[in-house]
N, C-alpha and C. Protein backbone atom coordinates (compact mmCIF):
# COMPACT_ATOMS: atom_id res chain seq x y z
N MET A 1 -20.15 -11.47 16.54
CA MET A 1 -19.99 -10.74 15.40
C MET A 1 -19.06 -11.23 14.32
N THR A 2 -19.55 -11.47 13.17
CA THR A 2 -18.73 -11.99 11.98
C THR A 2 -18.63 -10.99 11.03
N ILE A 3 -17.40 -10.83 10.40
CA ILE A 3 -17.02 -10.05 9.38
C ILE A 3 -16.18 -10.75 8.35
N THR A 4 -16.54 -10.54 7.07
CA THR A 4 -15.69 -11.28 6.03
C THR A 4 -14.96 -10.23 5.32
N VAL A 5 -13.68 -10.20 5.14
CA VAL A 5 -12.87 -9.26 4.49
C VAL A 5 -11.74 -10.11 3.65
N HIS A 6 -11.23 -9.56 2.76
CA HIS A 6 -10.17 -10.16 1.98
C HIS A 6 -8.95 -9.57 2.32
N GLY A 7 -7.95 -10.23 2.06
CA GLY A 7 -6.42 -9.66 2.41
C GLY A 7 -5.35 -10.51 1.64
N VAL A 8 -4.04 -10.13 1.94
CA VAL A 8 -3.01 -10.75 1.22
C VAL A 8 -1.96 -11.02 2.36
N MET A 9 -1.39 -12.46 2.04
CA MET A 9 -0.38 -12.85 3.14
C MET A 9 0.99 -12.24 2.83
N HIS A 10 1.67 -11.71 3.87
CA HIS A 10 3.09 -11.34 3.63
C HIS A 10 3.86 -11.81 4.92
N GLY A 11 4.37 -13.00 4.72
CA GLY A 11 5.04 -13.59 5.89
C GLY A 11 4.09 -14.30 6.90
N ARG A 12 4.11 -13.69 7.95
CA ARG A 12 3.14 -14.23 8.99
C ARG A 12 2.11 -12.98 9.22
N THR A 13 2.05 -12.12 8.34
CA THR A 13 1.11 -10.95 8.56
C THR A 13 0.06 -11.15 7.54
N ILE A 14 -1.23 -10.84 7.65
CA ILE A 14 -2.14 -10.66 6.68
C ILE A 14 -2.54 -9.30 6.54
N GLU A 15 -2.38 -8.76 5.38
CA GLU A 15 -2.86 -7.17 5.03
C GLU A 15 -4.17 -7.27 4.57
N LEU A 16 -5.16 -6.63 5.35
CA LEU A 16 -6.61 -6.63 5.03
C LEU A 16 -6.90 -5.51 3.80
N ASP A 17 -7.81 -5.91 3.10
CA ASP A 17 -8.14 -4.96 2.05
C ASP A 17 -9.16 -3.83 2.68
N GLU A 18 -9.58 -3.84 3.76
CA GLU A 18 -10.32 -2.73 4.29
C GLU A 18 -10.26 -2.80 5.98
N ASP A 19 -10.60 -1.71 6.46
CA ASP A 19 -10.43 -1.42 7.94
C ASP A 19 -11.56 -2.43 8.55
N LEU A 20 -11.36 -3.01 9.62
CA LEU A 20 -12.30 -3.87 10.32
C LEU A 20 -13.11 -2.97 11.24
N GLY A 21 -12.75 -1.74 11.64
CA GLY A 21 -13.40 -1.19 12.71
C GLY A 21 -13.24 -1.69 14.04
N VAL A 22 -12.19 -2.46 14.32
CA VAL A 22 -12.00 -3.23 15.65
C VAL A 22 -10.94 -2.18 16.32
N ALA A 23 -11.31 -2.18 17.75
CA ALA A 23 -10.26 -1.48 18.60
C ALA A 23 -8.86 -1.97 18.58
N GLU A 24 -7.94 -1.20 18.63
CA GLU A 24 -6.49 -1.62 18.69
C GLU A 24 -6.39 -2.48 20.05
N GLY A 25 -5.81 -3.52 19.81
CA GLY A 25 -5.53 -4.49 21.00
C GLY A 25 -6.64 -5.40 21.19
N GLN A 26 -7.70 -5.37 20.57
CA GLN A 26 -8.82 -6.23 20.80
C GLN A 26 -8.50 -7.55 20.30
N LYS A 27 -8.83 -8.60 20.99
CA LYS A 27 -8.39 -10.12 20.75
C LYS A 27 -9.68 -10.47 19.65
N VAL A 28 -9.05 -11.25 18.68
CA VAL A 28 -10.11 -11.60 17.56
C VAL A 28 -9.71 -13.24 17.22
N GLU A 29 -10.47 -13.91 16.62
CA GLU A 29 -10.45 -15.21 16.17
C GLU A 29 -10.37 -15.14 14.55
N VAL A 30 -9.36 -15.70 14.08
CA VAL A 30 -9.38 -15.60 12.57
C VAL A 30 -9.36 -16.96 11.89
N GLN A 31 -10.39 -17.12 11.00
CA GLN A 31 -10.43 -18.33 10.08
C GLN A 31 -9.86 -17.89 8.62
N VAL A 32 -9.07 -18.91 8.14
CA VAL A 32 -8.47 -18.35 6.77
C VAL A 32 -9.00 -19.43 5.75
N LYS A 33 -9.43 -18.86 4.63
CA LYS A 33 -10.07 -19.66 3.50
C LYS A 33 -9.39 -19.26 2.35
N LEU A 34 -8.58 -20.11 1.74
CA LEU A 34 -7.90 -19.61 0.44
C LEU A 34 -8.86 -19.68 -0.72
N PHE A 35 -8.64 -18.72 -1.68
CA PHE A 35 -9.38 -18.61 -2.81
C PHE A 35 -8.33 -18.36 -4.00
N GLN A 36 -8.82 -18.74 -5.17
CA GLN A 36 -8.10 -18.56 -6.48
C GLN A 36 -8.53 -17.36 -7.12
N THR A 37 -7.64 -16.48 -7.68
CA THR A 37 -8.03 -15.48 -8.66
C THR A 37 -7.63 -15.86 -9.96
N ALA A 38 -8.17 -15.35 -10.90
CA ALA A 38 -7.69 -15.54 -12.29
C ALA A 38 -6.42 -14.95 -12.52
N PRO A 39 -5.28 -15.67 -12.79
CA PRO A 39 -3.98 -15.16 -13.04
C PRO A 39 -3.95 -14.21 -14.34
N LYS A 40 -3.01 -13.35 -14.27
CA LYS A 40 -2.80 -12.60 -15.61
C LYS A 40 -2.11 -13.38 -16.48
N TRP A 41 -2.37 -13.05 -17.80
CA TRP A 41 -1.78 -13.95 -18.86
C TRP A 41 -0.38 -13.66 -18.77
N GLY A 42 0.45 -14.97 -18.93
CA GLY A 42 1.94 -14.94 -18.86
C GLY A 42 2.46 -14.96 -17.49
N GLU A 43 1.64 -14.86 -16.37
CA GLU A 43 2.08 -15.05 -15.06
C GLU A 43 2.58 -16.32 -14.59
N GLY A 44 2.14 -17.54 -15.11
CA GLY A 44 2.55 -18.83 -14.89
C GLY A 44 4.10 -18.96 -15.47
N ILE A 45 4.35 -18.52 -16.63
CA ILE A 45 5.85 -18.86 -17.11
C ILE A 45 6.70 -17.98 -16.41
N LEU A 46 6.23 -16.68 -15.97
CA LEU A 46 7.19 -15.94 -15.03
C LEU A 46 7.57 -16.58 -13.83
N ARG A 47 6.56 -17.24 -13.16
CA ARG A 47 6.79 -17.96 -11.84
C ARG A 47 7.67 -19.12 -11.99
N SER A 48 7.48 -19.83 -13.25
CA SER A 48 8.37 -20.96 -13.52
C SER A 48 9.93 -20.69 -13.91
N ALA A 49 10.08 -19.43 -14.37
CA ALA A 49 11.25 -19.02 -14.92
C ALA A 49 12.48 -19.21 -14.03
N GLY A 50 13.57 -19.94 -14.38
CA GLY A 50 14.64 -20.01 -13.39
C GLY A 50 14.48 -21.36 -12.64
N GLY A 51 13.44 -22.25 -12.94
CA GLY A 51 13.41 -23.42 -12.33
C GLY A 51 14.49 -24.62 -12.36
N TRP A 52 15.27 -24.41 -13.58
CA TRP A 52 16.52 -25.10 -13.75
C TRP A 52 17.95 -24.40 -13.53
N ALA A 53 17.79 -23.39 -13.00
CA ALA A 53 18.93 -22.58 -12.69
C ALA A 53 20.02 -23.18 -12.05
N ASP A 54 19.64 -24.16 -11.23
CA ASP A 54 20.80 -24.81 -10.27
C ASP A 54 21.11 -26.16 -10.90
N TYR A 55 20.76 -26.44 -12.20
CA TYR A 55 20.90 -27.66 -12.80
C TYR A 55 21.87 -27.49 -13.95
N PRO A 56 23.29 -27.56 -13.53
CA PRO A 56 24.26 -27.20 -14.64
C PRO A 56 24.14 -28.08 -15.93
N GLU A 57 23.79 -29.20 -15.77
CA GLU A 57 23.74 -30.17 -17.00
C GLU A 57 22.80 -29.65 -18.07
N MET A 58 21.83 -28.81 -17.55
CA MET A 58 20.74 -28.54 -18.51
C MET A 58 21.21 -27.82 -19.88
N ASP A 59 22.13 -26.98 -19.85
CA ASP A 59 22.59 -26.30 -20.99
C ASP A 59 22.92 -27.55 -22.07
N ALA A 60 23.82 -28.49 -21.62
CA ALA A 60 24.06 -29.53 -22.61
C ALA A 60 22.96 -30.30 -23.12
N ILE A 61 21.78 -30.64 -22.17
CA ILE A 61 20.79 -31.30 -22.55
C ILE A 61 19.96 -30.60 -23.60
N MET A 62 19.65 -29.29 -23.30
CA MET A 62 19.05 -28.48 -24.28
C MET A 62 19.75 -28.29 -25.69
N GLU A 63 21.10 -28.27 -25.67
CA GLU A 63 21.66 -28.29 -26.87
C GLU A 63 21.57 -29.40 -27.67
N LYS A 64 21.46 -30.56 -27.04
CA LYS A 64 21.30 -31.96 -27.70
C LYS A 64 19.90 -31.97 -28.26
N VAL A 65 18.88 -31.42 -27.44
CA VAL A 65 17.52 -31.28 -28.15
C VAL A 65 17.51 -30.59 -29.20
N HIS A 66 18.24 -29.40 -29.30
CA HIS A 66 18.03 -28.56 -30.38
C HIS A 66 18.78 -28.97 -31.62
N GLN A 67 19.87 -29.85 -31.41
CA GLN A 67 20.56 -30.54 -32.53
C GLN A 67 19.59 -31.61 -33.11
N ASN A 68 19.04 -32.34 -32.20
CA ASN A 68 18.23 -33.57 -32.54
C ASN A 68 16.91 -32.71 -33.42
N ARG A 69 16.47 -31.72 -33.18
CA ARG A 69 15.49 -31.30 -33.92
C ARG A 69 15.85 -30.77 -35.36
N LYS A 70 17.11 -30.49 -35.49
CA LYS A 70 17.70 -30.22 -36.93
C LYS A 70 17.68 -31.44 -37.86
N LEU A 71 17.63 -32.72 -37.33
CA LEU A 71 17.93 -33.76 -38.03
C LEU A 71 16.69 -33.96 -38.97
N GLU A 72 16.87 -34.64 -40.35
CA GLU A 72 15.86 -35.00 -41.11
C GLU A 72 15.10 -36.02 -40.65
N ARG A 73 13.77 -35.94 -40.50
CA ARG A 73 12.95 -36.92 -40.14
C ARG A 73 12.23 -37.67 -41.19
N ARG A 74 12.18 -36.95 -42.35
CA ARG A 74 11.22 -37.85 -43.46
C ARG A 74 12.02 -39.02 -43.90
N PRO A 75 11.28 -40.11 -44.16
CA PRO A 75 11.89 -41.38 -44.89
C PRO A 75 12.79 -40.82 -46.00
N GLN A 76 13.88 -41.51 -46.19
CA GLN A 76 14.63 -41.26 -47.41
C GLN A 76 14.12 -42.28 -48.57
N LEU A 77 14.19 -41.92 -49.61
CA LEU A 77 14.02 -42.82 -50.83
C LEU A 77 15.19 -43.56 -51.35
N GLU A 78 15.08 -44.82 -51.40
CA GLU A 78 16.30 -45.50 -51.82
C GLU A 78 16.70 -45.40 -53.40
N ASP A 79 17.94 -45.24 -53.72
CA ASP A 79 18.24 -45.09 -55.16
C ASP A 79 18.18 -46.26 -55.77
N LYS A 80 17.70 -46.58 -57.07
CA LYS A 80 17.69 -47.87 -57.66
C LYS A 80 18.40 -47.71 -58.89
């Protein structure tokens, strides 16, 4: 008998979305197939937040970038 159900991983445990109707203690064979669900808007940035937290030089680098963005970039006309 083959049953297809979905679930979520929690460490070494898979929490199934529905009851399989299998007796407690029954041995089973499991095949795992990963699939992607559409992420909620903004979820990507939340997962990446804090990626540079252990990089102490980053504050100085970002300050330099901020200061460089303030510089005048247009060509200057020469006085005649």
